[in-house]
Amino acid sequence: MTKEHVARMLSKVPRGRFLEIEEFTSLICWLSAEENSFFTAPVFDISGGRSTY
């Protein structure tokens, strides 16, 4: 992707940054942990609040 394309995508994210891999892996670890045994089908938006696609 060009720098311009990346900048345009980033400009649409209200958090002002992209997801860090550590944040995503933390979510995956929590989803697969025993302490999360109650949830059956959650939906998590990892877009940083982006609503314009």
Protein backbone atom coordinates (compact mmCIF):
# COMPACT_ATOMS: atom_id res chain seq x y z
CA MET A 1 0.00 0.00 0.00
CA THR A 2 1.17 3.50 -0.67
CA LYS A 3 1.88 5.92 2.16
CA GLU A 4 -1.03 8.02 0.95
CA HIS A 5 -3.41 5.08 1.15
CA VAL A 6 -2.26 4.20 4.67
CA ALA A 7 -2.62 7.84 5.75
CA ARG A 8 -6.14 7.97 4.31
CA MET A 9 -7.11 4.79 6.18
CA LEU A 10 -5.59 6.09 9.42
CA SER A 11 -7.44 9.39 9.09
CA LYS A 12 -10.73 7.48 9.37
CA VAL A 13 -9.83 5.81 12.68
CA PRO A 14 -11.08 7.91 15.63
CA ARG A 15 -8.38 6.50 17.94
CA GLY A 16 -5.77 7.98 15.60
CA ARG A 17 -3.75 4.78 15.35
CA PHE A 18 -3.93 1.23 14.09
CA LEU A 19 -4.42 -1.84 16.25
CA GLU A 20 -1.25 -3.17 17.85
CA ILE A 21 -0.66 -6.91 17.51
CA GLU A 22 -0.30 -7.18 21.30
CA GLU A 23 -3.81 -5.78 21.73
CA PHE A 24 -5.23 -8.34 19.34
CA THR A 25 -3.36 -11.24 20.92
CA SER A 26 -4.58 -10.16 24.37
CA LEU A 27 -8.15 -10.33 23.09
CA ILE A 28 -7.60 -13.77 21.58
CA CYS A 29 -5.99 -15.04 24.79
CA TRP A 30 -8.89 -13.72 26.85
CA LEU A 31 -11.45 -15.25 24.48
CA SER A 32 -9.81 -18.65 24.83
CA ALA A 33 -9.20 -18.42 28.59
CA GLU A 34 -11.12 -20.41 31.17
CA GLU A 35 -12.20 -17.15 32.87
CA ASN A 36 -14.18 -16.39 29.72
CA SER A 37 -16.15 -19.63 29.72
CA PHE A 38 -19.54 -17.89 29.85
CA PHE A 39 -19.47 -16.14 26.47
CA THR A 40 -20.64 -18.12 23.46
CA ALA A 41 -20.53 -15.83 20.43
CA PRO A 42 -19.27 -12.31 21.13
CA VAL A 43 -18.57 -9.84 18.35
CA PHE A 44 -15.70 -7.43 18.95
CA ASP A 45 -15.08 -4.41 16.75
CA ILE A 46 -11.31 -4.05 16.42
CA SER A 47 -11.52 -1.06 14.09
CA GLY A 48 -10.68 1.56 16.71
CA GLY A 49 -14.11 3.08 16.22
CA ARG A 50 -13.88 3.39 12.46
CA SER A 51 -17.31 3.50 10.94
CA THR A 52 -16.53 4.65 7.41
CA TYR A 53 -15.38 1.84 5.20
